[in-house]
Amino acid sequence: MNSLILNSKNENIAFHTSGSLVINIDGTKPDLGHKSSHQIEFEFFCELLEYYTTRQEEFDYEEFFDYITQTYIRMQVQGELQKFLQMTKGPLIHY
């Protein structure tokens, strides 16, 4: 599973606007003339995966998805805290 995820960027697949995976009959990656939102999200996922793997000794998909989830939650909390601080016109704690 880990190697399939790591090598997914190299697959000859594209994402149709419906979200379906498509491939040419001859096995090559289709040029759909545009990037669907699914394709853009997949490319972002691949970039995030590459970023993560450059900082880890080995890849484990469960740890990767835990990392994504924790990072996303942390970003949400930081965003909410930033909004709160802007509403209150400054930080509550001074260091």
PDB file of N, CA and C in Angstrom:
ATOM      1  N   MET A   1       0.822  -1.184   0.000  1.00  0.00           N
ATOM      2  CA  MET A   1       0.000   0.000   0.000  1.00  0.00           C
ATOM      3  C   MET A   1       0.873   1.257   0.000  1.00  0.00           C
ATOM      4  N   ASN A   2       1.919   1.250   0.846  1.00  0.00           N
ATOM      5  CA  ASN A   2       2.807   2.416   0.919  1.00  0.00           C
ATOM      6  C   ASN A   2       3.450   2.723  -0.428  1.00  0.00           C
ATOM      7  N   SER A   3       3.943   1.701  -1.113  1.00  0.00           N
ATOM      8  CA  SER A   3       4.611   1.944  -2.398  1.00  0.00           C
ATOM      9  C   SER A   3       3.613   2.395  -3.464  1.00  0.00           C
ATOM     10  N   LEU A   4       2.383   1.899  -3.416  1.00  0.00           N
ATOM     11  CA  LEU A   4       1.364   2.344  -4.375  1.00  0.00           C
ATOM     12  C   LEU A   4       1.070   3.831  -4.200  1.00  0.00           C
ATOM     13  N   ILE A   5       0.968   4.262  -2.950  1.00  0.00           N
ATOM     14  CA  ILE A   5       0.714   5.678  -2.684  1.00  0.00           C
ATOM     15  C   ILE A   5       1.900   6.530  -3.112  1.00  0.00           C
ATOM     16  N   LEU A   6       3.099   6.084  -2.774  1.00  0.00           N
ATOM     17  CA  LEU A   6       4.300   6.851  -3.123  1.00  0.00           C
ATOM     18  C   LEU A   6       4.476   6.983  -4.629  1.00  0.00           C
ATOM     19  N   ASN A   7       4.075   5.968  -5.377  1.00  0.00           N
ATOM     20  CA  ASN A   7       4.267   5.978  -6.830  1.00  0.00           C
ATOM     21  C   ASN A   7       3.043   6.441  -7.603  1.00  0.00           C
ATOM     22  N   SER A   8       1.999   6.891  -6.917  1.00  0.00           N
ATOM     23  CA  SER A   8       0.772   7.280  -7.607  1.00  0.00           C
ATOM     24  C   SER A   8       0.979   8.448  -8.570  1.00  0.00           C
ATOM     25  N   LYS A   9       1.933   9.309  -8.280  1.00  0.00           N
ATOM     26  CA  LYS A   9       2.207  10.461  -9.152  1.00  0.00           C
ATOM     27  C   LYS A   9       2.694  10.012 -10.527  1.00  0.00           C
ATOM     28  N   ASN A  10       3.332   8.849 -10.591  1.00  0.00           N
ATOM     29  CA  ASN A  10       3.913   8.365 -11.836  1.00  0.00           C
ATOM     30  C   ASN A  10       2.943   7.545 -12.686  1.00  0.00           C
ATOM     31  N   GLU A  11       1.724   7.375 -12.207  1.00  0.00           N
ATOM     32  CA  GLU A  11       0.741   6.602 -12.961  1.00  0.00           C
ATOM     33  C   GLU A  11       0.226   7.413 -14.146  1.00  0.00           C
ATOM     34  N   ASN A  12      -0.157   6.728 -15.201  1.00  0.00           N
ATOM     35  CA  ASN A  12      -0.669   7.377 -16.405  1.00  0.00           C
ATOM     36  C   ASN A  12      -2.178   7.593 -16.311  1.00  0.00           C
ATOM     37  N   ILE A  13      -2.610   8.217 -15.237  1.00  0.00           N
ATOM     38  CA  ILE A  13      -4.028   8.463 -15.024  1.00  0.00           C
ATOM     39  C   ILE A  13      -4.312   9.948 -15.018  1.00  0.00           C
ATOM     40  N   ALA A  14      -5.550  10.276 -15.330  1.00  0.00           N
ATOM     41  CA  ALA A  14      -6.027  11.646 -15.213  1.00  0.00           C
ATOM     42  C   ALA A  14      -7.412  11.569 -14.572  1.00  0.00           C
ATOM     43  N   PHE A  15      -7.879  12.698 -14.093  1.00  0.00           N
ATOM     44  CA  PHE A  15      -9.190  12.756 -13.457  1.00  0.00           C
ATOM     45  C   PHE A  15     -10.164  13.498 -14.355  1.00  0.00           C
ATOM     46  N   HIS A  16     -11.233  12.821 -14.698  1.00  0.00           N
ATOM     47  CA  HIS A  16     -12.314  13.438 -15.452  1.00  0.00           C
ATOM     48  C   HIS A  16     -13.020  14.427 -14.526  1.00  0.00           C
ATOM     49  N   THR A  17     -13.770  15.369 -15.083  1.00  0.00           N
ATOM     50  CA  THR A  17     -14.489  16.328 -14.249  1.00  0.00           C
ATOM     51  C   THR A  17     -15.494  15.656 -13.317  1.00  0.00           C
ATOM     52  N   SER A  18     -15.924  14.439 -13.665  1.00  0.00           N
ATOM     53  CA  SER A  18     -16.844  13.698 -12.800  1.00  0.00           C
ATOM     54  C   SER A  18     -16.132  13.067 -11.606  1.00  0.00           C
ATOM     55  N   GLY A  19     -14.790  13.079 -11.648  1.00  0.00           N
ATOM     56  CA  GLY A  19     -14.010  12.449 -10.585  1.00  0.00           C
ATOM     57  C   GLY A  19     -13.525  11.062 -10.951  1.00  0.00           C
ATOM     58  N   SER A  20     -13.975  10.542 -12.082  1.00  0.00           N
ATOM     59  CA  SER A  20     -13.546   9.216 -12.532  1.00  0.00           C
ATOM     60  C   SER A  20     -12.103   9.256 -13.008  1.00  0.00           C
ATOM     61  N   LEU A  21     -11.386   8.180 -12.738  1.00  0.00           N
ATOM     62  CA  LEU A  21     -10.036   8.045 -13.277  1.00  0.00           C
ATOM     63  C   LEU A  21     -10.143   7.623 -14.731  1.00  0.00           C
ATOM     64  N   VAL A  22      -9.322   8.233 -15.584  1.00  0.00           N
ATOM     65  CA  VAL A  22      -9.326   7.875 -17.006  1.00  0.00           C
ATOM     66  C   VAL A  22      -7.901   7.604 -17.467  1.00  0.00           C
ATOM     67  N   ILE A  23      -7.814   6.739 -18.461  1.00  0.00           N
ATOM     68  CA  ILE A  23      -6.533   6.385 -19.074  1.00  0.00           C
ATOM     69  C   ILE A  23      -6.808   6.086 -20.548  1.00  0.00           C
ATOM     70  N   ASN A  24      -5.869   6.401 -21.408  1.00  0.00           N
ATOM     71  CA  ASN A  24      -6.033   6.102 -22.827  1.00  0.00           C
ATOM     72  C   ASN A  24      -5.999   4.599 -23.064  1.00  0.00           C
ATOM     73  N   ILE A  25      -6.596   4.165 -24.146  1.00  0.00           N
ATOM     74  CA  ILE A  25      -6.633   2.743 -24.485  1.00  0.00           C
ATOM     75  C   ILE A  25      -5.229   2.175 -24.616  1.00  0.00           C
ATOM     76  N   ASP A  26      -4.295   2.986 -25.114  1.00  0.00           N
ATOM     77  CA  ASP A  26      -2.918   2.510 -25.286  1.00  0.00           C
ATOM     78  C   ASP A  26      -2.093   2.579 -23.990  1.00  0.00           C
ATOM     79  N   GLY A  27      -2.737   2.962 -22.881  1.00  0.00           N
ATOM     80  CA  GLY A  27      -2.055   2.980 -21.589  1.00  0.00           C
ATOM     81  C   GLY A  27      -1.365   4.286 -21.253  1.00  0.00           C
ATOM     82  N   THR A  28      -1.481   5.276 -22.118  1.00  0.00           N
ATOM     83  CA  THR A  28      -0.845   6.564 -21.855  1.00  0.00           C
ATOM     84  C   THR A  28      -1.799   7.479 -21.096  1.00  0.00           C
ATOM     85  N   LYS A  29      -1.225   8.520 -20.504  1.00  0.00           N
ATOM     86  CA  LYS A  29      -2.030   9.475 -19.748  1.00  0.00           C
ATOM     87  C   LYS A  29      -2.789  10.377 -20.721  1.00  0.00           C
ATOM     88  N   PRO A  30      -4.093  10.492 -20.560  1.00  0.00           N
ATOM     89  CA  PRO A  30      -4.864  11.337 -21.469  1.00  0.00           C
ATOM     90  C   PRO A  30      -4.634  12.828 -21.227  1.00  0.00           C
ATOM     91  N   ASP A  31      -4.679  13.597 -22.303  1.00  0.00           N
ATOM     92  CA  ASP A  31      -4.637  15.049 -22.201  1.00  0.00           C
ATOM     93  C   ASP A  31      -6.071  15.527 -22.401  1.00  0.00           C
ATOM     94  N   LEU A  32      -6.714  15.919 -21.311  1.00  0.00           N
ATOM     95  CA  LEU A  32      -8.114  16.318 -21.371  1.00  0.00           C
ATOM     96  C   LEU A  32      -8.290  17.781 -21.769  1.00  0.00           C
ATOM     97  N   GLY A  33      -7.184  18.486 -21.953  1.00  0.00           N
ATOM     98  CA  GLY A  33      -7.248  19.871 -22.364  1.00  0.00           C
ATOM     99  C   GLY A  33      -7.432  20.848 -21.215  1.00  0.00           C
ATOM    100  N   HIS A  34      -7.664  20.321 -20.036  1.00  0.00           N
ATOM    101  CA  HIS A  34      -7.837  21.153 -18.844  1.00  0.00           C
ATOM    102  C   HIS A  34      -7.598  20.276 -17.615  1.00  0.00           C
ATOM    103  N   LYS A  35      -7.463  20.918 -16.489  1.00  0.00           N
ATOM    104  CA  LYS A  35      -7.316  20.171 -15.228  1.00  0.00           C
ATOM    105  C   LYS A  35      -8.614  20.297 -14.447  1.00  0.00           C
ATOM    106  N   SER A  36      -9.179  19.164 -14.114  1.00  0.00           N
ATOM    107  CA  SER A  36     -10.379  19.185 -13.274  1.00  0.00           C
ATOM    108  C   SER A  36      -9.968  19.526 -11.843  1.00  0.00           C
ATOM    109  N   SER A  37     -10.943  19.869 -11.032  1.00  0.00           N
ATOM    110  CA  SER A  37     -10.645  20.158  -9.627  1.00  0.00           C
ATOM    111  C   SER A  37     -10.066  18.922  -8.954  1.00  0.00           C
ATOM    112  N   HIS A  38     -10.489  17.736  -9.399  1.00  0.00           N
ATOM    113  CA  HIS A  38      -9.959  16.490  -8.847  1.00  0.00           C
ATOM    114  C   HIS A  38      -8.476  16.335  -9.188  1.00  0.00           C
ATOM    115  N   GLN A  39      -8.111  16.702 -10.422  1.00  0.00           N
ATOM    116  CA  GLN A  39      -6.710  16.625 -10.852  1.00  0.00           C
ATOM    117  C   GLN A  39      -5.858  17.593 -10.049  1.00  0.00           C
ATOM    118  N   ILE A  40      -6.372  18.795  -9.827  1.00  0.00           N
ATOM    119  CA  ILE A  40      -5.642  19.804  -9.057  1.00  0.00           C
ATOM    120  C   ILE A  40      -5.434  19.325  -7.623  1.00  0.00           C
ATOM    121  N   GLU A  41      -6.468  18.750  -7.025  1.00  0.00           N
ATOM    122  CA  GLU A  41      -6.347  18.228  -5.666  1.00  0.00           C
ATOM    123  C   GLU A  41      -5.368  17.061  -5.597  1.00  0.00           C
ATOM    124  N   PHE A  42      -5.377  16.213  -6.632  1.00  0.00           N
ATOM    125  CA  PHE A  42      -4.438  15.089  -6.674  1.00  0.00           C
ATOM    126  C   PHE A  42      -3.006  15.588  -6.763  1.00  0.00           C
ATOM    127  N   GLU A  43      -2.767  16.594  -7.585  1.00  0.00           N
ATOM    128  CA  GLU A  43      -1.424  17.150  -7.718  1.00  0.00           C
ATOM    129  C   GLU A  43      -0.979  17.801  -6.408  1.00  0.00           C
ATOM    130  N   PHE A  44      -1.897  18.465  -5.712  1.00  0.00           N
ATOM    131  CA  PHE A  44      -1.576  19.028  -4.399  1.00  0.00           C
ATOM    132  C   PHE A  44      -1.217  17.904  -3.428  1.00  0.00           C
ATOM    133  N   PHE A  45      -1.997  16.827  -3.440  1.00  0.00           N
ATOM    134  CA  PHE A  45      -1.719  15.666  -2.597  1.00  0.00           C
ATOM    135  C   PHE A  45      -0.311  15.134  -2.876  1.00  0.00           C
ATOM    136  N   CYS A  46       0.058  15.032  -4.152  1.00  0.00           N
ATOM    137  CA  CYS A  46       1.385  14.521  -4.520  1.00  0.00           C
ATOM    138  C   CYS A  46       2.487  15.444  -4.009  1.00  0.00           C
ATOM    139  N   GLU A  47       2.265  16.755  -4.087  1.00  0.00           N
ATOM    140  CA  GLU A  47       3.250  17.710  -3.571  1.00  0.00           C
ATOM    141  C   GLU A  47       3.372  17.599  -2.053  1.00  0.00           C
ATOM    142  N   LEU A  48       2.246  17.454  -1.379  1.00  0.00           N
ATOM    143  CA  LEU A  48       2.258  17.281   0.069  1.00  0.00           C
ATOM    144  C   LEU A  48       2.966  15.989   0.448  1.00  0.00           C
ATOM    145  N   LEU A  49       2.707  14.941  -0.298  1.00  0.00           N
ATOM    146  CA  LEU A  49       3.356  13.653  -0.077  1.00  0.00           C
ATOM    147  C   LEU A  49       4.867  13.770  -0.255  1.00  0.00           C
ATOM    148  N   GLU A  50       5.283  14.474  -1.297  1.00  0.00           N
ATOM    149  CA  GLU A  50       6.714  14.676  -1.549  1.00  0.00           C
ATOM    150  C   GLU A  50       7.351  15.483  -0.406  1.00  0.00           C
ATOM    151  N   TYR A  51       6.675  16.535   0.027  1.00  0.00           N
ATOM    152  CA  TYR A  51       7.159  17.342   1.156  1.00  0.00           C
ATOM    153  C   TYR A  51       7.329  16.469   2.394  1.00  0.00           C
ATOM    154  N   TYR A  52       6.319  15.661   2.690  1.00  0.00           N
ATOM    155  CA  TYR A  52       6.343  14.815   3.881  1.00  0.00           C
ATOM    156  C   TYR A  52       7.475  13.794   3.805  1.00  0.00           C
ATOM    157  N   THR A  53       7.635  13.143   2.666  1.00  0.00           N
ATOM    158  CA  THR A  53       8.630  12.066   2.549  1.00  0.00           C
ATOM    159  C   THR A  53      10.059  12.583   2.597  1.00  0.00           C
ATOM    160  N   THR A  54      10.282  13.851   2.253  1.00  0.00           N
ATOM    161  CA  THR A  54      11.639  14.390   2.347  1.00  0.00           C
ATOM    162  C   THR A  54      12.045  14.630   3.794  1.00  0.00           C
ATOM    163  N   ARG A  55      11.073  14.596   4.707  1.00  0.00           N
ATOM    164  CA  ARG A  55      11.351  14.848   6.120  1.00  0.00           C
ATOM    165  C   ARG A  55      11.244  13.603   6.992  1.00  0.00           C
ATOM    166  N   GLN A  56      10.989  12.463   6.385  1.00  0.00           N
ATOM    167  CA  GLN A  56      10.836  11.219   7.124  1.00  0.00           C
ATOM    168  C   GLN A  56      11.833  10.186   6.604  1.00  0.00           C
ATOM    169  N   GLU A  57      12.256   9.300   7.468  1.00  0.00           N
ATOM    170  CA  GLU A  57      13.192   8.253   7.054  1.00  0.00           C
ATOM    171  C   GLU A  57      12.505   7.193   6.209  1.00  0.00           C
ATOM    172  N   GLU A  58      11.271   6.851   6.576  1.00  0.00           N
ATOM    173  CA  GLU A  58      10.511   5.904   5.770  1.00  0.00           C
ATOM    174  C   GLU A  58       9.056   6.317   5.778  1.00  0.00           C
ATOM    175  N   PHE A  59       8.317   5.857   4.785  1.00  0.00           N
ATOM    176  CA  PHE A  59       6.934   6.276   4.611  1.00  0.00           C
ATOM    177  C   PHE A  59       5.981   5.221   5.137  1.00  0.00           C
ATOM    178  N   ASP A  60       4.995   5.661   5.907  1.00  0.00           N
ATOM    179  CA  ASP A  60       3.897   4.812   6.358  1.00  0.00           C
ATOM    180  C   ASP A  60       2.622   5.619   6.142  1.00  0.00           C
ATOM    181  N   TYR A  61       1.717   5.094   5.331  1.00  0.00           N
ATOM    182  CA  TYR A  61       0.544   5.881   4.958  1.00  0.00           C
ATOM    183  C   TYR A  61      -0.326   6.264   6.160  1.00  0.00           C
ATOM    184  N   GLU A  62      -0.390   5.406   7.181  1.00  0.00           N
ATOM    185  CA  GLU A  62      -1.189   5.744   8.359  1.00  0.00           C
ATOM    186  C   GLU A  62      -0.587   6.939   9.100  1.00  0.00           C
ATOM    187  N   GLU A  63       0.729   6.958   9.228  1.00  0.00           N
ATOM    188  CA  GLU A  63       1.393   8.093   9.870  1.00  0.00           C
ATOM    189  C   GLU A  63       1.227   9.359   9.023  1.00  0.00           C
ATOM    190  N   PHE A  64       1.282   9.211   7.699  1.00  0.00           N
ATOM    191  CA  PHE A  64       1.110  10.339   6.790  1.00  0.00           C
ATOM    192  C   PHE A  64      -0.279  10.957   6.959  1.00  0.00           C
ATOM    193  N   PHE A  65      -1.302  10.132   6.979  1.00  0.00           N
ATOM    194  CA  PHE A  65      -2.655  10.660   7.120  1.00  0.00           C
ATOM    195  C   PHE A  65      -2.886  11.240   8.521  1.00  0.00           C
ATOM    196  N   ASP A  66      -2.245  10.679   9.545  1.00  0.00           N
ATOM    197  CA  ASP A  66      -2.294  11.290  10.877  1.00  0.00           C
ATOM    198  C   ASP A  66      -1.648  12.672  10.841  1.00  0.00           C
ATOM    199  N   TYR A  67      -0.519  12.776  10.144  1.00  0.00           N
ATOM    200  CA  TYR A  67       0.188  14.051  10.001  1.00  0.00           C
ATOM    201  C   TYR A  67      -0.694  15.089   9.303  1.00  0.00           C
ATOM    202  N   ILE A  68      -1.343  14.682   8.222  1.00  0.00           N
ATOM    203  CA  ILE A  68      -2.220  15.599   7.486  1.00  0.00           C
ATOM    204  C   ILE A  68      -3.347  16.078   8.396  1.00  0.00           C
ATOM    205  N   THR A  69      -3.973  15.156   9.085  1.00  0.00           N
ATOM    206  CA  THR A  69      -5.093  15.495   9.960  1.00  0.00           C
ATOM    207  C   THR A  69      -4.649  16.431  11.069  1.00  0.00           C
ATOM    208  N   GLN A  70      -3.547  16.115  11.720  1.00  0.00           N
ATOM    209  CA  GLN A  70      -3.058  16.955  12.811  1.00  0.00           C
ATOM    210  C   GLN A  70      -2.667  18.339  12.307  1.00  0.00           C
ATOM    211  N   THR A  71      -2.031  18.397  11.145  1.00  0.00           N
ATOM    212  CA  THR A  71      -1.628  19.678  10.570  1.00  0.00           C
ATOM    213  C   THR A  71      -2.854  20.508  10.216  1.00  0.00           C
ATOM    214  N   TYR A  72      -3.863  19.878   9.629  1.00  0.00           N
ATOM    215  CA  TYR A  72      -5.081  20.587   9.255  1.00  0.00           C
ATOM    216  C   TYR A  72      -5.784  21.143  10.485  1.00  0.00           C
ATOM    217  N   ILE A  73      -5.912  20.329  11.525  1.00  0.00           N
ATOM    218  CA  ILE A  73      -6.564  20.780  12.755  1.00  0.00           C
ATOM    219  C   ILE A  73      -5.782  21.936  13.364  1.00  0.00           C
ATOM    220  N   ARG A  74      -4.458  21.807  13.387  1.00  0.00           N
ATOM    221  CA  ARG A  74      -3.619  22.875  13.941  1.00  0.00           C
ATOM    222  C   ARG A  74      -3.805  24.166  13.142  1.00  0.00           C
ATOM    223  N   MET A  75      -3.889  24.060  11.811  1.00  0.00           N
ATOM    224  CA  MET A  75      -4.085  25.241  10.976  1.00  0.00           C
ATOM    225  C   MET A  75      -5.455  25.875  11.247  1.00  0.00           C
ATOM    226  N   GLN A  76      -6.474  25.041  11.437  1.00  0.00           N
ATOM    227  CA  GLN A  76      -7.802  25.567  11.745  1.00  0.00           C
ATOM    228  C   GLN A  76      -7.796  26.306  13.075  1.00  0.00           C
ATOM    229  N   VAL A  77      -7.180  25.708  14.080  1.00  0.00           N
ATOM    230  CA  VAL A  77      -7.114  26.333  15.401  1.00  0.00           C
ATOM    231  C   VAL A  77      -6.345  27.653  15.315  1.00  0.00           C
ATOM    232  N   GLN A  78      -5.233  27.650  14.601  1.00  0.00           N
ATOM    233  CA  GLN A  78      -4.446  28.876  14.468  1.00  0.00           C
ATOM    234  C   GLN A  78      -5.246  29.951  13.740  1.00  0.00           C
ATOM    235  N   GLY A  79      -5.995  29.539  12.710  1.00  0.00           N
ATOM    236  CA  GLY A  79      -6.828  30.494  11.975  1.00  0.00           C
ATOM    237  C   GLY A  79      -7.922  31.072  12.849  1.00  0.00           C
ATOM    238  N   GLU A  80      -8.576  30.219  13.631  1.00  0.00           N
ATOM    239  CA  GLU A  80      -9.621  30.697  14.537  1.00  0.00           C
ATOM    240  C   GLU A  80      -9.034  31.603  15.603  1.00  0.00           C
ATOM    241  N   LEU A  81      -7.859  31.231  16.127  1.00  0.00           N
ATOM    242  CA  LEU A  81      -7.206  32.073  17.132  1.00  0.00           C
ATOM    243  C   LEU A  81      -6.849  33.427  16.535  1.00  0.00           C
ATOM    244  N   GLN A  82      -6.350  33.427  15.312  1.00  0.00           N
ATOM    245  CA  GLN A  82      -5.994  34.683  14.651  1.00  0.00           C
ATOM    246  C   GLN A  82      -7.227  35.568  14.474  1.00  0.00           C
ATOM    247  N   LYS A  83      -8.345  34.973  14.067  1.00  0.00           N
ATOM    248  CA  LYS A  83      -9.583  35.745  13.918  1.00  0.00           C
ATOM    249  C   LYS A  83     -10.011  36.336  15.263  1.00  0.00           C
ATOM    250  N   PHE A  84      -9.924  35.527  16.309  1.00  0.00           N
ATOM    251  CA  PHE A  84     -10.303  35.991  17.641  1.00  0.00           C
ATOM    252  C   PHE A  84      -9.412  37.145  18.078  1.00  0.00           C
ATOM    253  N   LEU A  85      -8.120  36.994  17.849  1.00  0.00           N
ATOM    254  CA  LEU A  85      -7.181  38.045  18.258  1.00  0.00           C
ATOM    255  C   LEU A  85      -7.427  39.328  17.483  1.00  0.00           C
ATOM    256  N   GLN A  86      -7.801  39.206  16.218  1.00  0.00           N
ATOM    257  CA  GLN A  86      -8.105  40.401  15.434  1.00  0.00           C
ATOM    258  C   GLN A  86      -9.368  41.082  15.955  1.00  0.00           C
ATOM    259  N   MET A  87     -10.340  40.282  16.375  1.00  0.00           N
ATOM    260  CA  MET A  87     -11.578  40.844  16.912  1.00  0.00           C
ATOM    261  C   MET A  87     -11.345  41.533  18.253  1.00  0.00           C
ATOM    262  N   THR A  88     -10.436  40.992  19.041  1.00  0.00           N
ATOM    263  CA  THR A  88     -10.168  41.573  20.358  1.00  0.00           C
ATOM    264  C   THR A  88      -9.039  42.596  20.309  1.00  0.00           C
ATOM    265  N   LYS A  89      -8.524  42.817  19.119  1.00  0.00           N
ATOM    266  CA  LYS A  89      -7.477  43.825  18.870  1.00  0.00           C
ATOM    267  C   LYS A  89      -6.177  43.553  19.608  1.00  0.00           C
ATOM    268  N   GLY A  90      -5.754  42.315  19.630  1.00  0.00           N
ATOM    269  CA  GLY A  90      -4.452  42.028  20.200  1.00  0.00           C
ATOM    270  C   GLY A  90      -4.405  40.717  20.929  1.00  0.00           C
ATOM    271  N   PRO A  91      -3.201  40.248  21.191  1.00  0.00           N
ATOM    272  CA  PRO A  91      -3.047  38.977  21.898  1.00  0.00           C
ATOM    273  C   PRO A  91      -3.459  39.076  23.360  1.00  0.00           C
ATOM    274  N   LEU A  92      -3.951  37.989  23.868  1.00  0.00           N
ATOM    275  CA  LEU A  92      -4.351  37.930  25.266  1.00  0.00           C
ATOM    276  C   LEU A  92      -3.152  37.691  26.179  1.00  0.00           C
ATOM    277  N   ILE A  93      -2.147  37.022  25.655  1.00  0.00           N
ATOM    278  CA  ILE A  93      -0.971  36.674  26.446  1.00  0.00           C
ATOM    279  C   ILE A  93       0.235  37.358  25.833  1.00  0.00           C
ATOM    280  N   HIS A  94       0.988  38.046  26.634  1.00  0.00           N
ATOM    281  CA  HIS A  94       2.219  38.681  26.166  1.00  0.00           C
ATOM    282  C   HIS A  94       3.403  37.898  26.711  1.00  0.00           C
ATOM    283  N   TYR A  95       4.351  37.595  25.841  1.00  0.00           N
ATOM    284  CA  TYR A  95       5.545  36.846  26.257  1.00  0.00           C
ATOM    285  C   TYR A  95       6.693  37.782  26.458  1.00  0.00           C
TER     286      TYR A  95
END
